Amino acid sequence: VVLRDRKVSTSYVQRRLGIGYNRAASLIERMEQEGLIGAANHAGKREILVPGENETI
């Protein structure tokens, strides 16, 4: 969902997958550990580190 839609937030994952906050936060944390998304910046935004289908490296 995150890589396809190019949006990442705990609440977005919750809504799209119909899961609770704790489960969504765990998924976000795991995606960060696996290098798919970056750490939250000062504003709480995260960068998606994996190129999308229409992006080149």
Protein backbone atom coordinates (compact mmCIF):
# COMPACT_ATOMS: atom_id res chain seq x y z
CA VAL A 1 0.00 0.00 0.00
CA VAL A 2 2.74 2.46 1.01
CA LEU A 3 4.96 1.74 -1.99
CA ARG A 4 2.04 1.71 -4.42
CA ASP A 5 0.37 4.89 -3.16
CA ARG A 6 3.66 6.67 -2.28
CA LYS A 7 2.19 7.82 1.05
CA VAL A 8 3.42 6.79 4.47
CA SER A 9 1.92 7.50 7.85
CA THR A 10 0.58 5.38 10.65
CA SER A 11 -2.94 6.74 10.17
CA TYR A 12 -2.81 6.16 6.39
CA VAL A 13 -1.77 2.53 6.89
CA GLN A 14 -4.52 2.12 9.51
CA ARG A 15 -7.22 3.41 7.18
CA ARG A 16 -6.08 1.55 4.07
CA LEU A 17 -5.60 -1.80 5.82
CA GLY A 18 -8.38 -1.49 8.39
CA ILE A 19 -6.07 -2.23 11.33
CA GLY A 20 -5.42 -0.66 14.71
CA TYR A 21 -2.83 1.95 15.63
CA ASN A 22 -0.39 -0.45 17.31
CA ARG A 23 -0.34 -2.83 14.34
CA ALA A 24 0.08 0.03 11.87
CA ALA A 25 2.90 1.56 13.93
CA SER A 26 4.65 -1.82 14.04
CA LEU A 27 4.42 -2.11 10.26
CA ILE A 28 5.84 1.41 9.80
CA GLU A 29 8.69 0.58 12.18
CA ARG A 30 9.45 -2.64 10.31
CA MET A 31 9.44 -0.85 6.94
CA GLU A 32 11.96 1.60 8.38
CA GLN A 33 14.17 -1.21 9.70
CA GLU A 34 14.09 -2.92 6.30
CA GLY A 35 15.12 0.28 4.52
CA LEU A 36 11.87 0.88 2.64
CA ILE A 37 11.15 4.20 4.33
CA GLY A 38 13.27 6.75 6.15
CA ALA A 39 13.08 7.90 9.73
CA ALA A 40 10.59 10.61 10.63
CA ASN A 41 12.00 14.13 10.19
CA HIS A 42 11.43 17.10 12.51
CA ALA A 43 7.89 17.49 11.13
CA GLY A 44 7.10 13.78 11.42
CA LYS A 45 7.24 13.16 7.66
CA ARG A 46 8.94 10.07 6.26
CA GLU A 47 10.64 9.63 2.91
CA ILE A 48 9.92 6.54 0.82
CA LEU A 49 13.35 5.21 -0.11
CA VAL A 50 12.30 2.62 -2.71
CA PRO A 51 11.70 4.01 -6.21
CA GLY A 52 8.15 3.79 -7.52
CA GLU A 53 7.11 2.10 -10.75
CA ASN A 54 7.40 5.34 -12.72
CA GLU A 55 10.66 6.48 -11.12
CA THR A 56 14.20 5.69 -12.18
CA ILE A 57 17.13 5.20 -9.86
